[in-house]
Amino acid sequence: MRNNRKSETTKAEQQKAVLVALGSNQSSVAGGPGATVTRAMQMIENKGLRIQATSRLYINPAFPAGSGTDYTNAVVVFESSLPCAKILQILHEIEASLGRERTVRWGARTVDLDLLAVGDTVHPDVATQNHWRTLSLKEQMRQTPEQLILPHPRLQDRAFVLVPMAEIAPDWLHPILKKTVLQMLNDLPQQDRDDVRPSE
């Protein structure tokens, strides 16, 4: 009996909150951007990842400015004990199913599923995360990491991520910056926050 309890505790300890950002500014087999984001959420659940909370859908200008039509964005949270690489693989499979093609960095896309955070995991290490997080915008547009970086290195810079994230996980604490989602959001310019508006 003790062994069973120990294994249940171990399993529970392995479960971590997984935060995923979803975005689209092109139609897919599911329909327009809003329908595409909603279908992606359904596909996450179909993969056995039970979503615990979903933000509203939000509309915001494409980034960088002038790079395309407005995006529909949302954030979901679920718990999983899967390795980070496996979660990322599942997200990429969903993107491919909805017609995502990785051609132009930060270009228009049918769907984008970004793994934002897995609990307080820092991957692969603090130094690497710091490097990618502190890159200038110019370098961000030129360089792409060849490995998964957690937390997502642009998380703290993007109102279109933090606004929906604040709706469902306001108290999530960045393991390196030691700031909550609400604190990071409040650090951004008011205009950035105002640009992210609920979808009607």
Protein backbone atom coordinates (compact mmCIF):
# COMPACT_ATOMS: atom_id res chain seq x y z
CA MET A 1 0.00 0.00 0.00
CA ARG A 2 2.82 2.38 0.85
CA ASN A 3 4.46 1.71 -2.52
CA ASN A 4 1.23 2.56 -4.34
CA ARG A 5 0.92 5.84 -2.47
CA LYS A 6 4.54 6.66 -3.22
CA SER A 7 4.08 6.05 -6.94
CA GLU A 8 0.90 8.16 -6.99
CA THR A 9 2.76 11.01 -5.29
CA THR A 10 5.66 10.71 -7.72
CA LYS A 11 3.29 10.79 -10.66
CA ALA A 12 1.49 13.84 -9.29
CA GLU A 13 4.80 15.63 -8.75
CA GLN A 14 5.74 15.05 -12.39
CA GLN A 15 2.63 16.84 -13.63
CA LYS A 16 3.45 20.40 -14.66
CA ALA A 17 1.31 23.24 -15.92
CA VAL A 18 1.91 23.69 -19.64
CA LEU A 19 1.11 27.06 -21.22
CA VAL A 20 0.64 27.28 -24.98
CA ALA A 21 -0.03 30.35 -27.12
CA LEU A 22 -2.11 29.95 -30.28
CA GLY A 23 -2.23 32.40 -33.17
CA SER A 24 -3.49 32.62 -36.73
CA ASN A 25 -3.92 35.26 -39.43
CA GLN A 26 -4.72 33.04 -42.41
CA SER A 27 -7.54 30.67 -43.21
CA SER A 28 -6.98 26.92 -42.89
CA VAL A 29 -8.98 23.77 -43.51
CA ALA A 30 -10.86 24.70 -40.32
CA GLY A 31 -11.95 28.12 -41.64
CA GLY A 32 -10.83 31.64 -40.76
CA PRO A 33 -8.25 32.50 -38.10
CA GLY A 34 -10.73 32.30 -35.20
CA ALA A 35 -12.03 28.92 -36.32
CA THR A 36 -8.45 27.73 -36.85
CA VAL A 37 -7.40 28.64 -33.31
CA THR A 38 -10.51 26.94 -31.92
CA ARG A 39 -9.83 23.80 -33.97
CA ALA A 40 -6.23 23.74 -32.74
CA MET A 41 -7.52 23.73 -29.16
CA GLN A 42 -9.76 20.77 -29.98
CA MET A 43 -6.82 18.96 -31.56
CA ILE A 44 -4.71 19.48 -28.43
CA GLU A 45 -7.43 17.73 -26.43
CA ASN A 46 -7.71 15.00 -29.06
CA LYS A 47 -4.03 14.28 -28.40
CA GLY A 48 -4.93 13.44 -24.80
CA LEU A 49 -3.86 16.78 -23.33
CA ARG A 50 -6.89 17.90 -21.35
CA ILE A 51 -7.11 21.69 -21.38
CA GLN A 52 -7.88 23.12 -17.95
CA ALA A 53 -8.37 26.76 -18.91
CA THR A 54 -8.75 28.70 -22.15
CA SER A 55 -8.51 32.45 -22.62
CA ARG A 56 -10.87 34.37 -24.81
CA LEU A 57 -9.87 34.96 -28.42
CA TYR A 58 -8.07 38.25 -28.96
CA ILE A 59 -7.32 40.31 -32.08
CA ASN A 60 -4.08 42.24 -32.47
CA PRO A 61 -1.87 43.74 -35.20
CA ALA A 62 0.68 41.47 -36.88
CA PHE A 63 4.23 41.60 -35.53
CA PRO A 64 6.47 43.12 -36.79
CA ALA A 65 4.21 46.04 -37.79
CA GLY A 66 3.09 45.87 -41.41
CA SER A 67 3.96 42.19 -41.81
CA GLY A 68 0.41 41.06 -42.48
CA THR A 69 -3.24 41.15 -41.45
CA ASP A 70 -4.36 41.11 -37.82
CA TYR A 71 -3.89 37.97 -35.77
CA THR A 72 -6.32 36.02 -33.65
CA ASN A 73 -4.58 34.84 -30.48
CA ALA A 74 -5.34 32.84 -27.35
CA VAL A 75 -3.56 30.95 -24.58
CA VAL A 76 -4.45 27.59 -23.03
CA VAL A 77 -3.12 25.70 -20.02
CA PHE A 78 -3.08 21.97 -19.37
CA GLU A 79 -1.12 19.63 -17.11
CA SER A 80 1.24 17.00 -18.44
CA SER A 81 4.10 14.78 -17.36
CA LEU A 82 5.36 14.41 -20.94
CA PRO A 83 8.89 15.57 -21.74
CA CYS A 84 9.05 19.10 -23.17
CA ALA A 85 10.34 17.79 -26.50
CA LYS A 86 7.33 15.47 -26.82
CA ILE A 87 4.88 18.29 -26.10
CA LEU A 88 6.59 20.41 -28.76
CA GLN A 89 6.39 17.52 -31.23
CA ILE A 90 2.63 17.23 -30.65
CA LEU A 91 2.19 20.98 -31.22
CA HIS A 92 4.16 20.80 -34.46
CA GLU A 93 2.01 17.87 -35.63
CA ILE A 94 -1.13 19.94 -35.03
CA GLU A 95 0.37 22.88 -36.92
CA ALA A 96 1.17 20.63 -39.88
CA SER A 97 -2.35 19.18 -39.87
CA LEU A 98 -3.73 22.71 -40.16
CA GLY A 99 -1.45 23.58 -43.07
CA ARG A 100 1.37 25.44 -41.30
CA GLU A 101 4.40 25.94 -43.53
CA ARG A 102 7.60 27.31 -41.97
CA THR A 103 8.98 29.56 -44.67
CA VAL A 104 9.32 33.22 -43.58
CA ARG A 105 10.25 34.00 -39.96
CA TRP A 106 7.38 35.92 -38.34
CA GLY A 107 5.47 35.75 -41.62
CA ALA A 108 1.74 35.18 -42.09
CA ARG A 109 0.64 31.72 -41.03
CA THR A 110 -2.38 29.47 -40.83
CA VAL A 111 -1.57 28.61 -37.22
CA ASP A 112 1.23 29.07 -34.72
CA LEU A 113 1.42 27.05 -31.49
CA ASP A 114 4.13 28.34 -29.19
CA LEU A 115 5.17 26.38 -26.13
CA LEU A 116 5.46 29.22 -23.61
CA ALA A 117 6.30 27.42 -20.39
CA VAL A 118 6.29 24.04 -18.68
CA GLY A 119 5.94 24.79 -14.98
CA ASP A 120 9.10 26.53 -13.83
CA THR A 121 11.34 24.61 -16.23
CA VAL A 122 14.33 26.47 -17.68
CA HIS A 123 15.53 24.71 -20.83
CA PRO A 124 18.22 23.96 -21.81
CA ASP A 125 19.86 26.15 -19.15
CA VAL A 126 19.79 29.66 -17.68
CA ALA A 127 22.66 31.00 -19.81
CA THR A 128 21.05 29.90 -23.09
CA GLN A 129 17.65 31.27 -22.08
CA ASN A 130 19.26 34.58 -21.09
CA HIS A 131 21.08 34.78 -24.43
CA TRP A 132 17.94 34.43 -26.53
CA ARG A 133 15.81 36.55 -24.22
CA THR A 134 18.14 39.55 -24.38
CA LEU A 135 18.77 39.59 -28.14
CA SER A 136 18.03 42.89 -29.88
CA LEU A 137 14.98 43.02 -32.15
CA LYS A 138 17.28 43.18 -35.18
CA GLU A 139 19.06 40.00 -34.12
CA GLN A 140 15.77 38.30 -33.25
CA MET A 141 14.72 38.76 -36.87
CA ARG A 142 17.97 37.26 -38.15
CA GLN A 143 18.55 34.38 -35.77
CA THR A 144 16.44 31.36 -34.89
CA PRO A 145 17.33 29.00 -32.04
CA GLU A 146 17.94 25.44 -33.14
CA GLN A 147 16.58 24.02 -29.89
CA LEU A 148 13.60 24.54 -27.61
CA ILE A 149 14.06 27.49 -25.23
CA LEU A 150 11.92 27.66 -22.09
CA PRO A 151 10.37 29.86 -20.96
CA HIS A 152 9.72 31.22 -24.45
CA PRO A 153 12.38 33.93 -24.84
CA ARG A 154 9.96 36.55 -26.22
CA LEU A 155 7.19 35.87 -23.69
CA GLN A 156 7.83 38.99 -21.57
CA ASP A 157 7.89 41.28 -24.63
CA ARG A 158 4.57 40.37 -26.24
CA ALA A 159 1.28 41.84 -25.12
CA PHE A 160 -0.57 39.51 -27.47
CA VAL A 161 0.74 36.62 -25.35
CA LEU A 162 0.60 38.22 -21.91
CA VAL A 163 -2.94 39.63 -22.19
CA PRO A 164 -4.62 36.24 -22.78
CA MET A 165 -2.11 34.54 -20.48
CA ALA A 166 -3.05 36.95 -17.67
CA GLU A 167 -6.66 35.84 -18.05
CA ILE A 168 -5.92 32.22 -17.14
CA ALA A 169 -2.53 32.23 -15.36
CA PRO A 170 -1.96 35.72 -13.90
CA ASP A 171 0.25 34.45 -11.09
CA TRP A 172 2.58 32.24 -13.14
CA LEU A 173 6.08 33.29 -12.13
CA HIS A 174 8.88 33.59 -14.66
CA PRO A 175 11.62 31.37 -13.16
CA ILE A 176 14.45 33.72 -14.18
CA LEU A 177 12.89 37.20 -14.18
CA LYS A 178 10.97 36.41 -10.96
CA LYS A 179 7.97 38.36 -12.24
CA THR A 180 4.37 37.22 -12.55
CA VAL A 181 2.44 37.43 -15.80
CA LEU A 182 0.59 40.50 -14.51
CA GLN A 183 3.84 42.20 -13.57
CA MET A 184 5.38 41.52 -16.98
CA LEU A 185 2.22 42.79 -18.67
CA ASN A 186 2.25 45.98 -16.60
CA ASP A 187 5.87 46.56 -17.67
CA LEU A 188 4.80 46.88 -21.31
CA PRO A 189 3.79 50.18 -22.95
CA GLN A 190 0.10 51.01 -22.61
CA GLN A 191 -0.26 51.14 -26.41
CA ASP A 192 0.95 47.55 -26.72
CA ARG A 193 -1.69 46.43 -24.24
CA ASP A 194 -4.43 48.50 -25.90
CA ASP A 195 -3.63 46.91 -29.28
CA VAL A 196 -4.79 43.53 -27.95
CA ARG A 197 -8.58 43.53 -27.95
CA PRO A 198 -11.16 40.77 -27.39
CA SER A 199 -12.58 39.21 -30.53
CA GLU A 200 -16.27 39.97 -31.04
